[in-house]
N, C-alpha and C. Protein backbone atom coordinates (compact mmCIF):
# COMPACT_ATOMS: atom_id res chain seq x y z
N MET A 1 8.45 4.04 21.93
CA MET A 1 9.04 3.01 20.38
C MET A 1 10.19 2.74 20.48
N GLN A 2 10.53 1.71 20.48
CA GLN A 2 11.49 0.89 20.76
C GLN A 2 12.26 0.75 19.45
N ILE A 3 14.14 1.32 19.47
CA ILE A 3 14.63 1.42 18.52
C ILE A 3 14.49 -0.16 17.40
N SER A 4 14.08 -1.24 17.74
CA SER A 4 13.82 -2.36 16.83
C SER A 4 12.39 -2.15 15.93
N GLU A 5 11.67 -1.40 16.72
CA GLU A 5 10.20 -1.22 15.83
C GLU A 5 10.08 0.22 15.03
N ILE A 6 11.31 1.37 15.16
CA ILE A 6 11.58 1.63 14.39
C ILE A 6 12.25 1.46 13.06
N ASP A 7 13.39 0.68 13.18
CA ASP A 7 13.97 0.14 11.87
C ASP A 7 13.19 -0.37 11.27
N THR A 8 11.89 -1.39 12.04
CA THR A 8 10.77 -2.31 10.81
C THR A 8 10.29 -1.49 10.75
N LYS A 9 9.76 -0.14 10.57
CA LYS A 9 8.95 0.60 9.98
C LYS A 9 9.94 1.31 8.56
N ILE A 10 11.42 1.88 9.23
CA ILE A 10 11.90 2.42 7.89
C ILE A 10 12.49 1.36 6.79
N SER A 11 12.67 0.00 7.41
CA SER A 11 12.90 -1.22 6.30
C SER A 11 11.67 -2.02 5.59
N LEU A 12 10.32 -1.33 5.89
CA LEU A 12 9.41 -1.55 5.03
C LEU A 12 8.93 -0.36 3.88
N LYS A 13 9.50 0.32 3.71
CA LYS A 13 9.55 1.23 2.45
C LYS A 13 10.82 1.43 1.55
N SER A 14 10.23 1.19 0.46
CA SER A 14 11.87 1.52 -0.37
C SER A 14 11.47 2.35 -1.85
N ALA A 15 12.46 2.47 -2.21
CA ALA A 15 11.91 3.49 -4.03
C ALA A 15 11.08 2.46 -4.84
N GLN A 16 11.04 1.16 -4.70
CA GLN A 16 9.90 1.00 -5.58
C GLN A 16 8.98 0.67 -5.07
N THR A 17 8.63 0.36 -3.57
CA THR A 17 7.01 0.29 -3.19
C THR A 17 6.76 1.74 -3.27
N CYS A 18 7.68 2.88 -3.60
CA CYS A 18 6.97 3.71 -3.33
C CYS A 18 6.35 4.25 -5.04
N LYS A 19 7.46 3.90 -6.01
CA LYS A 19 7.19 3.92 -7.59
C LYS A 19 5.86 3.16 -7.51
N ILE A 20 5.51 2.34 -7.00
CA ILE A 20 4.45 1.28 -7.14
C ILE A 20 3.16 1.95 -6.87
N GLY A 21 3.59 2.62 -5.14
CA GLY A 21 1.95 3.33 -4.40
C GLY A 21 1.97 4.72 -5.52
N LYS A 22 2.72 5.22 -6.04
CA LYS A 22 2.67 6.55 -6.95
C LYS A 22 1.56 6.17 -8.18
N ALA A 23 1.56 4.98 -8.83
CA ALA A 23 1.06 4.29 -9.62
C ALA A 23 -0.40 3.92 -9.62
N PHE A 24 -0.45 4.00 -8.06
CA PHE A 24 -1.77 3.59 -7.40
C PHE A 24 -2.67 5.05 -6.95
N LYS A 25 -1.88 5.92 -6.83
CA LYS A 25 -2.58 7.08 -6.06
C LYS A 25 -2.82 8.36 -8.03
N GLU A 26 -1.64 7.62 -8.63
CA GLU A 26 -1.95 8.73 -10.01
C GLU A 26 -3.50 7.89 -10.56
N ARG A 27 -3.35 6.53 -10.26
CA ARG A 27 -5.03 6.11 -11.41
C ARG A 27 -6.07 6.56 -10.21
N ARG A 28 -5.61 6.27 -9.23
CA ARG A 28 -6.84 6.69 -8.28
C ARG A 28 -7.53 8.29 -8.43
N GLN A 29 -6.80 8.94 -8.77
CA GLN A 29 -6.44 10.46 -8.99
C GLN A 29 -7.30 10.62 -10.16
N LEU A 30 -6.65 9.97 -11.39
CA LEU A 30 -7.19 9.59 -12.96
C LEU A 30 -8.72 9.30 -12.65
N LEU A 31 -9.15 8.35 -11.80
CA LEU A 31 -10.84 7.90 -11.63
C LEU A 31 -11.39 9.06 -10.99
N SER A 32 -11.14 10.40 -10.41
CA SER A 32 -11.53 11.45 -9.75
C SER A 32 -11.85 10.65 -8.20
N LEU A 33 -11.03 9.73 -7.52
CA LEU A 33 -11.95 9.42 -6.46
C LEU A 33 -10.97 10.02 -5.24
N SER A 34 -11.47 10.04 -4.07
CA SER A 34 -10.86 10.10 -2.96
C SER A 34 -10.19 8.80 -2.33
N GLU A 35 -8.97 8.88 -1.23
CA GLU A 35 -8.87 8.02 -0.17
C GLU A 35 -10.14 7.50 0.14
N PHE A 36 -11.09 8.09 0.84
CA PHE A 36 -12.12 7.22 1.44
C PHE A 36 -12.89 6.89 0.27
N GLU A 37 -13.00 7.74 -0.44
CA GLU A 37 -14.27 7.00 -1.15
C GLU A 37 -14.04 5.54 -1.87
N VAL A 38 -12.33 5.23 -1.89
CA VAL A 38 -11.82 4.02 -2.74
C VAL A 38 -12.22 2.83 -1.25
N ALA A 39 -11.61 3.31 0.08
CA ALA A 39 -11.87 2.58 1.23
C ALA A 39 -13.46 2.37 1.33
N SER A 40 -14.40 2.84 1.32
CA SER A 40 -15.44 2.60 1.26
C SER A 40 -16.21 1.63 0.30
N GLU A 41 -16.03 1.71 -0.93
CA GLU A 41 -16.15 1.07 -1.82
C GLU A 41 -15.21 -0.16 -1.65
N ILE A 42 -13.84 -0.52 -1.07
CA ILE A 42 -13.41 -2.02 -1.19
C ILE A 42 -13.46 -2.55 -0.21
N HIS A 43 -14.13 -1.55 1.07
CA HIS A 43 -14.26 -2.05 2.31
C HIS A 43 -12.71 -2.59 2.77
N VAL A 44 -12.09 -1.45 2.91
CA VAL A 44 -10.78 -1.50 3.53
C VAL A 44 -10.26 -0.21 4.68
N ASN A 45 -9.53 -0.37 5.32
CA ASN A 45 -9.62 1.02 5.75
C ASN A 45 -8.36 1.99 5.24
N VAL A 46 -9.20 3.03 5.55
CA VAL A 46 -8.49 4.21 4.56
C VAL A 46 -6.32 4.02 4.82
N ASN A 47 -6.45 3.87 5.97
CA ASN A 47 -5.16 4.30 6.25
C ASN A 47 -4.44 3.24 5.71
N TYR A 48 -4.75 1.88 5.46
CA TYR A 48 -4.12 0.78 4.11
C TYR A 48 -4.28 1.38 2.93
N ILE A 49 -4.87 2.59 2.42
CA ILE A 49 -4.91 2.91 1.23
C ILE A 49 -4.04 3.64 1.11
N LYS A 50 -3.82 4.69 2.08
CA LYS A 50 -2.95 5.55 2.46
C LYS A 50 -1.21 4.77 2.42
N GLY A 51 -1.08 3.99 2.88
CA GLY A 51 0.18 3.01 3.28
C GLY A 51 0.69 2.72 2.11
N ILE A 52 -0.57 2.07 1.20
CA ILE A 52 -0.26 1.91 -0.34
C ILE A 52 0.25 2.69 -1.22
N GLU A 53 -0.02 3.86 -1.16
CA GLU A 53 -0.28 4.87 -2.10
C GLU A 53 1.29 5.49 -1.58
N HIS A 54 1.57 5.56 -0.30
CA HIS A 54 2.88 5.96 -0.22
C HIS A 54 4.34 4.90 -0.07
N GLY A 55 3.50 3.79 -0.53
CA GLY A 55 4.35 2.58 -0.69
C GLY A 55 5.29 2.35 0.97
N ASP A 56 4.61 2.40 2.12
CA ASP A 56 5.27 2.21 3.44
C ASP A 56 4.06 1.07 4.06
N TYR A 57 4.30 -0.14 3.77
CA TYR A 57 3.92 -1.04 4.42
C TYR A 57 3.66 -1.67 5.88
N SER A 58 4.86 -0.60 6.72
CA SER A 58 4.65 -0.89 8.08
C SER A 58 3.58 -0.43 9.17
N ILE A 59 2.39 0.00 7.95
CA ILE A 59 0.90 0.39 8.62
C ILE A 59 0.61 -1.14 8.66
N PHE A 60 0.49 -2.12 8.10
CA PHE A 60 0.08 -3.21 8.20
C PHE A 60 0.80 -4.44 9.02
N PRO A 61 -0.40 -5.23 10.17
CA PRO A 61 -0.05 -5.83 10.58
C PRO A 61 0.94 -7.02 10.49
N ALA A 62 0.68 -7.63 9.29
CA ALA A 62 1.49 -8.61 8.50
C ALA A 62 1.51 -8.59 7.08
N ARG A 63 2.68 -9.04 6.44
CA ARG A 63 2.99 -9.21 5.08
C ARG A 63 1.44 -9.97 4.34
N VAL A 64 1.03 -10.80 5.33
CA VAL A 64 -0.32 -11.34 4.54
C VAL A 64 -1.46 -10.42 4.37
N PHE A 65 -1.48 -9.44 4.94
CA PHE A 65 -2.49 -8.12 5.16
C PHE A 65 -1.60 -7.17 3.50
N ALA A 66 -0.79 -7.04 3.69
CA ALA A 66 -0.51 -6.38 2.88
C ALA A 66 -0.28 -6.56 1.38
N LEU A 67 -0.29 -7.53 1.38
CA LEU A 67 -0.55 -8.56 -0.11
C LEU A 67 -1.99 -8.99 -0.41
N GLN A 68 -2.71 -8.95 0.33
CA GLN A 68 -4.40 -8.73 0.06
C GLN A 68 -4.94 -7.67 -0.11
N TYR A 69 -4.43 -6.42 0.81
CA TYR A 69 -5.18 -5.62 0.08
C TYR A 69 -4.52 -4.79 -0.90
N PHE A 70 -3.43 -4.55 -1.15
CA PHE A 70 -2.68 -4.59 -2.15
C PHE A 70 -3.60 -5.35 -3.50
N LYS A 71 -3.65 -6.18 -3.53
CA LYS A 71 -4.55 -7.11 -4.60
C LYS A 71 -5.86 -6.47 -5.10
N LYS A 72 -6.30 -6.36 -3.91
CA LYS A 72 -7.86 -5.61 -3.78
C LYS A 72 -7.57 -4.12 -4.40
N TYR A 73 -6.81 -3.77 -3.72
CA TYR A 73 -6.93 -2.33 -4.01
C TYR A 73 -6.71 -2.08 -6.17
N ALA A 74 -5.66 -2.83 -6.13
CA ALA A 74 -5.03 -2.87 -7.73
C ALA A 74 -5.60 -3.75 -8.54
N ASN A 75 -7.13 -4.67 -8.05
CA ASN A 75 -8.13 -5.07 -8.91
C ASN A 75 -9.12 -4.22 -8.90
N PHE A 76 -9.44 -3.33 -7.96
CA PHE A 76 -10.24 -2.25 -8.09
C PHE A 76 -10.12 -1.18 -9.05
N LEU A 77 -8.90 -0.97 -9.11
CA LEU A 77 -7.86 0.37 -10.09
C LEU A 77 -7.73 -0.67 -11.85
N ASN A 78 -8.13 -1.62 -11.31
CA ASN A 78 -8.00 -2.19 -12.31
C ASN A 78 -6.55 -2.07 -13.12
N LEU A 79 -5.21 -1.88 -12.13
CA LEU A 79 -3.95 -1.83 -12.19
C LEU A 79 -3.70 -3.16 -12.28
N LYS A 80 -2.53 -3.47 -13.68
CA LYS A 80 -1.76 -4.85 -13.09
C LYS A 80 -0.53 -4.83 -12.89
N LEU A 81 -0.34 -4.93 -11.82
CA LEU A 81 0.90 -4.33 -11.22
C LEU A 81 1.35 -5.77 -10.33
N ASP A 82 2.86 -5.91 -10.08
CA ASP A 82 2.83 -7.34 -8.84
C ASP A 82 3.68 -6.29 -7.63
N PHE A 83 2.98 -7.07 -6.60
CA PHE A 83 3.42 -6.69 -5.48
C PHE A 83 4.80 -7.03 -5.00
N PHE A 84 5.60 -6.10 -4.99
CA PHE A 84 7.11 -5.93 -4.86
C PHE A 84 7.30 -6.58 -3.03
N ASP A 85 7.72 -7.54 -3.18
CA ASP A 85 8.12 -7.82 -1.80
C ASP A 85 8.78 -7.76 -0.61
N ILE A 86 8.61 -6.49 -0.22
CA ILE A 86 9.64 -5.99 0.95
C ILE A 86 9.54 -6.71 2.19
N TYR A 87 9.18 -7.32 2.14
CA TYR A 87 9.13 -8.46 3.89
C TYR A 87 10.23 -9.35 3.16
N ASN A 88 10.75 -9.67 2.01
CA ASN A 88 11.08 -10.38 1.73
C ASN A 88 12.76 -10.28 1.13
N SER A 89 12.91 -8.89 0.63
CA SER A 89 13.65 -8.70 -0.14
C SER A 89 15.00 -7.95 0.56
N GLN A 90 15.36 -8.33 1.79
CA GLN A 90 16.50 -8.27 3.25
C GLN A 90 17.20 -8.91 2.94
C-alpha cells in the first residue's frame, strides 16, 4: 500500500462520520438485527454496512456508492440523517 492510499483511507473517516455511524448501529441493534441480516434484506455488501456503522467510507469505491448505500441503509432503519460529505470536507 502506498502512502497516498493510506492518507485517503484515513481522511475518509471523521468524528462526525463516527457519530452518525453510531446512530446506525444503535438503531440496528434496537431492532435486534445483525449486520448480516440487514445486508441480506437490503441487498448491500455487509462490509458497506460495517463501513457506515464505523464511519469509515474508505471501503467504498467512490463517493456515489457511499451516498447511495448510506441513503438505502438510513431508509431501511427509518433514520432521518443527512449524509456528512467527508469527500468534500477537505
